[in-house]
Amino acid sequence: MRIEVTIAKTTTLPPGAVDALAGELSRRVNSFYTDRENTITVRYAAANNLSVLGGAKEDKDRITEILQETWESADDWFITD
C-alpha cells in the first residue's frame, strides 16, 4: 500500500515532527500489515489529507484509526531535545 499524509502548511509543528511522525506511523502500519509492502510519506501541503492507494475501504478506515492514535499519542513517542 502507498500511504500519503499531508499536513497543512499553516500547522505549526516542532522541528523534526514530520520525520518523527513518518517513522512512528511506518512502525505502526507495518506492524499491523505485516504481509504487505507499505510506503508511507508525510509532508506539508495546502491542506490536511490522507490518501491510501492499493488498499480496500476497510484498509483506509484502519489507517485513519492508526494515524489518529499515533497523532494523539505524540507525547509518548515524540521527544524534543
PDB file of N, CA and C in Angstrom:
ATOM      1  N   MET A   1       0.832  -1.165   0.000  1.00  0.00           N
ATOM      2  CA  MET A   1       0.000   0.000   0.000  1.00  0.00           C
ATOM      3  C   MET A   1       0.884   1.238   0.000  1.00  0.00           C
ATOM      4  N   ARG A   2       0.380   2.266  -0.591  1.00  0.00           N
ATOM      5  CA  ARG A   2       1.062   3.561  -0.556  1.00  0.00           C
ATOM      6  C   ARG A   2       0.185   4.512   0.245  1.00  0.00           C
ATOM      7  N   ILE A   3       0.755   5.036   1.315  1.00  0.00           N
ATOM      8  CA  ILE A   3       0.017   5.904   2.221  1.00  0.00           C
ATOM      9  C   ILE A   3       0.684   7.268   2.208  1.00  0.00           C
ATOM     10  N   GLU A   4      -0.106   8.302   1.971  1.00  0.00           N
ATOM     11  CA  GLU A   4       0.422   9.661   1.969  1.00  0.00           C
ATOM     12  C   GLU A   4      -0.400  10.520   2.909  1.00  0.00           C
ATOM     13  N   VAL A   5       0.295  11.130   3.857  1.00  0.00           N
ATOM     14  CA  VAL A   5      -0.332  12.047   4.804  1.00  0.00           C
ATOM     15  C   VAL A   5       0.193  13.435   4.485  1.00  0.00           C
ATOM     16  N   THR A   6      -0.718  14.371   4.278  1.00  0.00           N
ATOM     17  CA  THR A   6      -0.293  15.755   4.078  1.00  0.00           C
ATOM     18  C   THR A   6      -0.789  16.572   5.262  1.00  0.00           C
ATOM     19  N   ILE A   7       0.066  17.486   5.699  1.00  0.00           N
ATOM     20  CA  ILE A   7      -0.234  18.363   6.821  1.00  0.00           C
ATOM     21  C   ILE A   7      -0.261  19.793   6.288  1.00  0.00           C
ATOM     22  N   ALA A   8      -1.293  20.524   6.658  1.00  0.00           N
ATOM     23  CA  ALA A   8      -1.434  21.897   6.198  1.00  0.00           C
ATOM     24  C   ALA A   8      -0.211  22.724   6.599  1.00  0.00           C
ATOM     25  N   LYS A   9       0.281  23.509   5.660  1.00  0.00           N
ATOM     26  CA  LYS A   9       1.453  24.359   5.917  1.00  0.00           C
ATOM     27  C   LYS A   9       1.216  25.323   7.069  1.00  0.00           C
ATOM     28  N   THR A  10      -0.032  25.633   7.337  1.00  0.00           N
ATOM     29  CA  THR A  10      -0.354  26.571   8.414  1.00  0.00           C
ATOM     30  C   THR A  10      -0.251  25.928   9.801  1.00  0.00           C
ATOM     31  N   THR A  11      -0.092  24.601   9.849  1.00  0.00           N
ATOM     32  CA  THR A  11       0.046  23.890  11.116  1.00  0.00           C
ATOM     33  C   THR A  11       1.459  24.069  11.639  1.00  0.00           C
ATOM     34  N   THR A  12       1.562  24.556  12.857  1.00  0.00           N
ATOM     35  CA  THR A  12       2.874  24.766  13.464  1.00  0.00           C
ATOM     36  C   THR A  12       3.280  23.502  14.212  1.00  0.00           C
ATOM     37  N   LEU A  13       4.378  22.911  13.777  1.00  0.00           N
ATOM     38  CA  LEU A  13       4.914  21.712  14.420  1.00  0.00           C
ATOM     39  C   LEU A  13       6.360  21.968  14.817  1.00  0.00           C
ATOM     40  N   PRO A  14       6.833  21.321  15.867  1.00  0.00           N
ATOM     41  CA  PRO A  14       8.228  21.492  16.258  1.00  0.00           C
ATOM     42  C   PRO A  14       9.166  20.896  15.208  1.00  0.00           C
ATOM     43  N   PRO A  15      10.414  21.352  15.187  1.00  0.00           N
ATOM     44  CA  PRO A  15      11.385  20.785  14.238  1.00  0.00           C
ATOM     45  C   PRO A  15      11.498  19.274  14.405  1.00  0.00           C
ATOM     46  N   GLY A  16      11.521  18.569  13.298  1.00  0.00           N
ATOM     47  CA  GLY A  16      11.666  17.116  13.311  1.00  0.00           C
ATOM     48  C   GLY A  16      10.369  16.349  13.473  1.00  0.00           C
ATOM     49  N   ALA A  17       9.262  17.056  13.662  1.00  0.00           N
ATOM     50  CA  ALA A  17       7.989  16.380  13.913  1.00  0.00           C
ATOM     51  C   ALA A  17       7.483  15.603  12.703  1.00  0.00           C
ATOM     52  N   VAL A  18       7.665  16.140  11.516  1.00  0.00           N
ATOM     53  CA  VAL A  18       7.173  15.457  10.312  1.00  0.00           C
ATOM     54  C   VAL A  18       7.927  14.139  10.116  1.00  0.00           C
ATOM     55  N   ASP A  19       9.245  14.171  10.253  1.00  0.00           N
ATOM     56  CA  ASP A  19      10.034  12.943  10.114  1.00  0.00           C
ATOM     57  C   ASP A  19       9.709  11.940  11.214  1.00  0.00           C
ATOM     58  N   ALA A  20       9.529  12.442  12.438  1.00  0.00           N
ATOM     59  CA  ALA A  20       9.192  11.556  13.557  1.00  0.00           C
ATOM     60  C   ALA A  20       7.822  10.917  13.351  1.00  0.00           C
ATOM     61  N   LEU A  21       6.861  11.697  12.855  1.00  0.00           N
ATOM     62  CA  LEU A  21       5.532  11.166  12.578  1.00  0.00           C
ATOM     63  C   LEU A  21       5.605  10.099  11.495  1.00  0.00           C
ATOM     64  N   ALA A  22       6.376  10.348  10.458  1.00  0.00           N
ATOM     65  CA  ALA A  22       6.524   9.359   9.383  1.00  0.00           C
ATOM     66  C   ALA A  22       7.116   8.062   9.923  1.00  0.00           C
ATOM     67  N   GLY A  23       8.117   8.165  10.768  1.00  0.00           N
ATOM     68  CA  GLY A  23       8.743   6.971  11.335  1.00  0.00           C
ATOM     69  C   GLY A  23       7.810   6.194  12.238  1.00  0.00           C
ATOM     70  N   GLU A  24       7.115   6.884  13.117  1.00  0.00           N
ATOM     71  CA  GLU A  24       6.196   6.212  14.042  1.00  0.00           C
ATOM     72  C   GLU A  24       5.003   5.620  13.309  1.00  0.00           C
ATOM     73  N   LEU A  25       4.476   6.346  12.345  1.00  0.00           N
ATOM     74  CA  LEU A  25       3.356   5.834  11.558  1.00  0.00           C
ATOM     75  C   LEU A  25       3.790   4.600  10.763  1.00  0.00           C
ATOM     76  N   SER A  26       4.976   4.641  10.190  1.00  0.00           N
ATOM     77  CA  SER A  26       5.503   3.479   9.457  1.00  0.00           C
ATOM     78  C   SER A  26       5.612   2.267  10.371  1.00  0.00           C
ATOM     79  N   ARG A  27       6.140   2.486  11.563  1.00  0.00           N
ATOM     80  CA  ARG A  27       6.297   1.384  12.510  1.00  0.00           C
ATOM     81  C   ARG A  27       4.942   0.763  12.836  1.00  0.00           C
ATOM     82  N   ARG A  28       3.959   1.596  13.109  1.00  0.00           N
ATOM     83  CA  ARG A  28       2.627   1.095  13.486  1.00  0.00           C
ATOM     84  C   ARG A  28       1.903   0.415  12.328  1.00  0.00           C
ATOM     85  N   VAL A  29       1.955   1.019  11.152  1.00  0.00           N
ATOM     86  CA  VAL A  29       1.288   0.433   9.985  1.00  0.00           C
ATOM     87  C   VAL A  29       1.950  -0.891   9.614  1.00  0.00           C
ATOM     88  N   ASN A  30       3.277  -0.912   9.592  1.00  0.00           N
ATOM     89  CA  ASN A  30       3.977  -2.141   9.214  1.00  0.00           C
ATOM     90  C   ASN A  30       3.786  -3.259  10.234  1.00  0.00           C
ATOM     91  N   SER A  31       3.559  -2.922  11.499  1.00  0.00           N
ATOM     92  CA  SER A  31       3.302  -3.965  12.484  1.00  0.00           C
ATOM     93  C   SER A  31       1.889  -4.528  12.340  1.00  0.00           C
ATOM     94  N   PHE A  32       0.966  -3.733  11.810  1.00  0.00           N
ATOM     95  CA  PHE A  32      -0.401  -4.196  11.589  1.00  0.00           C
ATOM     96  C   PHE A  32      -0.539  -4.931  10.254  1.00  0.00           C
ATOM     97  N   TYR A  33       0.103  -4.399   9.219  1.00  0.00           N
ATOM     98  CA  TYR A  33       0.054  -5.000   7.876  1.00  0.00           C
ATOM     99  C   TYR A  33       1.400  -5.651   7.585  1.00  0.00           C
ATOM    100  N   THR A  34       1.671  -6.770   8.226  1.00  0.00           N
ATOM    101  CA  THR A  34       2.967  -7.442   8.079  1.00  0.00           C
ATOM    102  C   THR A  34       3.103  -8.170   6.748  1.00  0.00           C
ATOM    103  N   ASP A  35       1.991  -8.470   6.102  1.00  0.00           N
ATOM    104  CA  ASP A  35       2.020  -9.235   4.864  1.00  0.00           C
ATOM    105  C   ASP A  35       2.114  -8.365   3.608  1.00  0.00           C
ATOM    106  N   ARG A  36       2.255  -7.057   3.775  1.00  0.00           N
ATOM    107  CA  ARG A  36       2.298  -6.143   2.630  1.00  0.00           C
ATOM    108  C   ARG A  36       3.519  -5.238   2.707  1.00  0.00           C
ATOM    109  N   GLU A  37       3.931  -4.782   1.540  1.00  0.00           N
ATOM    110  CA  GLU A  37       4.971  -3.754   1.488  1.00  0.00           C
ATOM    111  C   GLU A  37       4.258  -2.410   1.507  1.00  0.00           C
ATOM    112  N   ASN A  38       4.614  -1.576   2.475  1.00  0.00           N
ATOM    113  CA  ASN A  38       3.943  -0.295   2.656  1.00  0.00           C
ATOM    114  C   ASN A  38       4.935   0.843   2.482  1.00  0.00           C
ATOM    115  N   THR A  39       4.503   1.875   1.787  1.00  0.00           N
ATOM    116  CA  THR A  39       5.290   3.083   1.634  1.00  0.00           C
ATOM    117  C   THR A  39       4.504   4.216   2.275  1.00  0.00           C
ATOM    118  N   ILE A  40       5.122   4.860   3.257  1.00  0.00           N
ATOM    119  CA  ILE A  40       4.451   5.937   3.974  1.00  0.00           C
ATOM    120  C   ILE A  40       5.202   7.235   3.757  1.00  0.00           C
ATOM    121  N   THR A  41       4.469   8.273   3.358  1.00  0.00           N
ATOM    122  CA  THR A  41       5.038   9.596   3.142  1.00  0.00           C
ATOM    123  C   THR A  41       4.243  10.600   3.969  1.00  0.00           C
ATOM    124  N   VAL A  42       4.958  11.452   4.677  1.00  0.00           N
ATOM    125  CA  VAL A  42       4.326  12.545   5.419  1.00  0.00           C
ATOM    126  C   VAL A  42       5.001  13.830   4.948  1.00  0.00           C
ATOM    127  N   ARG A  43       4.186  14.822   4.541  1.00  0.00           N
ATOM    128  CA  ARG A  43       4.753  16.066   4.034  1.00  0.00           C
ATOM    129  C   ARG A  43       3.780  17.206   4.250  1.00  0.00           C
ATOM    130  N   TYR A  44       4.315  18.415   4.119  1.00  0.00           N
ATOM    131  CA  TYR A  44       3.478  19.610   4.172  1.00  0.00           C
ATOM    132  C   TYR A  44       2.812  19.826   2.817  1.00  0.00           C
ATOM    133  N   ALA A  45       1.588  20.338   2.849  1.00  0.00           N
ATOM    134  CA  ALA A  45       0.844  20.664   1.631  1.00  0.00           C
ATOM    135  C   ALA A  45      -0.160  21.767   1.970  1.00  0.00           C
ATOM    136  N   ALA A  46      -1.057  22.032   1.059  1.00  0.00           N
ATOM    137  CA  ALA A  46      -2.036  23.094   1.264  1.00  0.00           C
ATOM    138  C   ALA A  46      -3.072  22.752   2.335  1.00  0.00           C
ATOM    139  N   ALA A  47      -3.374  21.460   2.489  1.00  0.00           N
ATOM    140  CA  ALA A  47      -4.415  21.051   3.441  1.00  0.00           C
ATOM    141  C   ALA A  47      -4.075  19.699   4.052  1.00  0.00           C
ATOM    142  N   ASN A  48      -4.734  19.365   5.155  1.00  0.00           N
ATOM    143  CA  ASN A  48      -4.591  18.047   5.762  1.00  0.00           C
ATOM    144  C   ASN A  48      -5.319  17.030   4.898  1.00  0.00           C
ATOM    145  N   ASN A  49      -4.678  15.878   4.681  1.00  0.00           N
ATOM    146  CA  ASN A  49      -5.298  14.845   3.868  1.00  0.00           C
ATOM    147  C   ASN A  49      -4.623  13.508   4.132  1.00  0.00           C
ATOM    148  N   LEU A  50      -5.361  12.450   3.905  1.00  0.00           N
ATOM    149  CA  LEU A  50      -4.832  11.090   3.972  1.00  0.00           C
ATOM    150  C   LEU A  50      -5.228  10.379   2.696  1.00  0.00           C
ATOM    151  N   SER A  51      -4.242   9.834   1.981  1.00  0.00           N
ATOM    152  CA  SER A  51      -4.502   9.035   0.785  1.00  0.00           C
ATOM    153  C   SER A  51      -3.955   7.639   1.018  1.00  0.00           C
ATOM    154  N   VAL A  52      -4.759   6.641   0.697  1.00  0.00           N
ATOM    155  CA  VAL A  52      -4.330   5.243   0.793  1.00  0.00           C
ATOM    156  C   VAL A  52      -4.566   4.619  -0.571  1.00  0.00           C
ATOM    157  N   LEU A  53      -3.484   4.273  -1.245  1.00  0.00           N
ATOM    158  CA  LEU A  53      -3.571   3.666  -2.573  1.00  0.00           C
ATOM    159  C   LEU A  53      -3.185   2.196  -2.475  1.00  0.00           C
ATOM    160  N   GLY A  54      -3.935   1.356  -3.153  1.00  0.00           N
ATOM    161  CA  GLY A  54      -3.623  -0.068  -3.151  1.00  0.00           C
ATOM    162  C   GLY A  54      -4.236  -0.815  -1.985  1.00  0.00           C
ATOM    163  N   GLY A  55      -5.228  -0.228  -1.363  1.00  0.00           N
ATOM    164  CA  GLY A  55      -5.898  -0.879  -0.241  1.00  0.00           C
ATOM    165  C   GLY A  55      -7.402  -0.803  -0.408  1.00  0.00           C
ATOM    166  N   ALA A  56      -8.102  -1.599   0.372  1.00  0.00           N
ATOM    167  CA  ALA A  56      -9.563  -1.600   0.353  1.00  0.00           C
ATOM    168  C   ALA A  56     -10.096  -0.468   1.230  1.00  0.00           C
ATOM    169  N   LYS A  57     -11.388  -0.239   1.175  1.00  0.00           N
ATOM    170  CA  LYS A  57     -12.033   0.782   2.002  1.00  0.00           C
ATOM    171  C   LYS A  57     -11.757   0.521   3.478  1.00  0.00           C
ATOM    172  N   GLU A  58     -11.793  -0.745   3.870  1.00  0.00           N
ATOM    173  CA  GLU A  58     -11.528  -1.110   5.264  1.00  0.00           C
ATOM    174  C   GLU A  58     -10.090  -0.761   5.654  1.00  0.00           C
ATOM    175  N   ASP A  59      -9.162  -0.890   4.700  1.00  0.00           N
ATOM    176  CA  ASP A  59      -7.763  -0.538   4.971  1.00  0.00           C
ATOM    177  C   ASP A  59      -7.640   0.955   5.253  1.00  0.00           C
ATOM    178  N   LYS A  60      -8.320   1.780   4.460  1.00  0.00           N
ATOM    179  CA  LYS A  60      -8.246   3.224   4.696  1.00  0.00           C
ATOM    180  C   LYS A  60      -8.833   3.571   6.054  1.00  0.00           C
ATOM    181  N   ASP A  61      -9.923   2.910   6.415  1.00  0.00           N
ATOM    182  CA  ASP A  61     -10.523   3.156   7.727  1.00  0.00           C
ATOM    183  C   ASP A  61      -9.549   2.793   8.842  1.00  0.00           C
ATOM    184  N   ARG A  62      -8.868   1.666   8.700  1.00  0.00           N
ATOM    185  CA  ARG A  62      -7.909   1.234   9.725  1.00  0.00           C
ATOM    186  C   ARG A  62      -6.694   2.161   9.756  1.00  0.00           C
ATOM    187  N   ILE A  63      -6.210   2.587   8.601  1.00  0.00           N
ATOM    188  CA  ILE A  63      -5.075   3.518   8.548  1.00  0.00           C
ATOM    189  C   ILE A  63      -5.471   4.840   9.213  1.00  0.00           C
ATOM    190  N   THR A  64      -6.701   5.277   8.999  1.00  0.00           N
ATOM    191  CA  THR A  64      -7.190   6.503   9.633  1.00  0.00           C
ATOM    192  C   THR A  64      -7.151   6.358  11.150  1.00  0.00           C
ATOM    193  N   GLU A  65      -7.574   5.204  11.653  1.00  0.00           N
ATOM    194  CA  GLU A  65      -7.533   4.951  13.096  1.00  0.00           C
ATOM    195  C   GLU A  65      -6.094   4.948  13.613  1.00  0.00           C
ATOM    196  N   ILE A  66      -5.195   4.288  12.888  1.00  0.00           N
ATOM    197  CA  ILE A  66      -3.789   4.226  13.292  1.00  0.00           C
ATOM    198  C   ILE A  66      -3.192   5.628  13.307  1.00  0.00           C
ATOM    199  N   LEU A  67      -3.483   6.429  12.289  1.00  0.00           N
ATOM    200  CA  LEU A  67      -2.978   7.803  12.230  1.00  0.00           C
ATOM    201  C   LEU A  67      -3.504   8.620  13.407  1.00  0.00           C
ATOM    202  N   GLN A  68      -4.789   8.495  13.707  1.00  0.00           N
ATOM    203  CA  GLN A  68      -5.385   9.223  14.829  1.00  0.00           C
ATOM    204  C   GLN A  68      -4.716   8.818  16.148  1.00  0.00           C
ATOM    205  N   GLU A  69      -4.536   7.513  16.361  1.00  0.00           N
ATOM    206  CA  GLU A  69      -3.887   7.030  17.582  1.00  0.00           C
ATOM    207  C   GLU A  69      -2.447   7.530  17.669  1.00  0.00           C
ATOM    208  N   THR A  70      -1.752   7.519  16.547  1.00  0.00           N
ATOM    209  CA  THR A  70      -0.363   7.975  16.513  1.00  0.00           C
ATOM    210  C   THR A  70      -0.286   9.458  16.851  1.00  0.00           C
ATOM    211  N   TRP A  71      -1.146  10.250  16.244  1.00  0.00           N
ATOM    212  CA  TRP A  71      -1.152  11.700  16.474  1.00  0.00           C
ATOM    213  C   TRP A  71      -1.468  12.010  17.936  1.00  0.00           C
ATOM    214  N   GLU A  72      -2.475  11.319  18.487  1.00  0.00           N
ATOM    215  CA  GLU A  72      -2.891  11.582  19.866  1.00  0.00           C
ATOM    216  C   GLU A  72      -1.857  11.126  20.895  1.00  0.00           C
ATOM    217  N   SER A  73      -1.015  10.179  20.541  1.00  0.00           N
ATOM    218  CA  SER A  73      -0.022   9.678  21.491  1.00  0.00           C
ATOM    219  C   SER A  73       1.364  10.282  21.258  1.00  0.00           C
ATOM    220  N   ALA A  74       1.429  11.407  20.579  1.00  0.00           N
ATOM    221  CA  ALA A  74       2.719  12.029  20.248  1.00  0.00           C
ATOM    222  C   ALA A  74       3.560  12.319  21.484  1.00  0.00           C
ATOM    223  N   ASP A  75       2.938  12.601  22.616  1.00  0.00           N
ATOM    224  CA  ASP A  75       3.689  12.857  23.837  1.00  0.00           C
ATOM    225  C   ASP A  75       4.501  11.634  24.265  1.00  0.00           C
ATOM    226  N   ASP A  76       4.063  10.445  23.859  1.00  0.00           N
ATOM    227  CA  ASP A  76       4.758   9.205  24.220  1.00  0.00           C
ATOM    228  C   ASP A  76       5.956   8.903  23.320  1.00  0.00           C
ATOM    229  N   TRP A  77       5.888   9.255  22.041  1.00  0.00           N
ATOM    230  CA  TRP A  77       6.954   8.856  21.112  1.00  0.00           C
ATOM    231  C   TRP A  77       7.755  10.016  20.534  1.00  0.00           C
ATOM    232  N   PHE A  78       7.239  11.245  20.570  1.00  0.00           N
ATOM    233  CA  PHE A  78       7.995  12.372  20.015  1.00  0.00           C
ATOM    234  C   PHE A  78       8.763  13.067  21.126  1.00  0.00           C
ATOM    235  N   ILE A  79      10.059  12.995  21.029  1.00  0.00           N
ATOM    236  CA  ILE A  79      10.934  13.563  22.056  1.00  0.00           C
ATOM    237  C   ILE A  79      11.741  14.697  21.437  1.00  0.00           C
ATOM    238  N   THR A  80      11.610  15.871  22.012  1.00  0.00           N
ATOM    239  CA  THR A  80      12.378  17.023  21.543  1.00  0.00           C
ATOM    240  C   THR A  80      13.547  17.246  22.500  1.00  0.00           C
ATOM    241  N   ASP A  81      14.656  17.599  21.935  1.00  0.00           N
ATOM    242  CA  ASP A  81      15.849  17.861  22.763  1.00  0.00           C
ATOM    243  C   ASP A  81      16.059  19.333  22.967  1.00  0.00           C
TER     244      ASP A  81
END
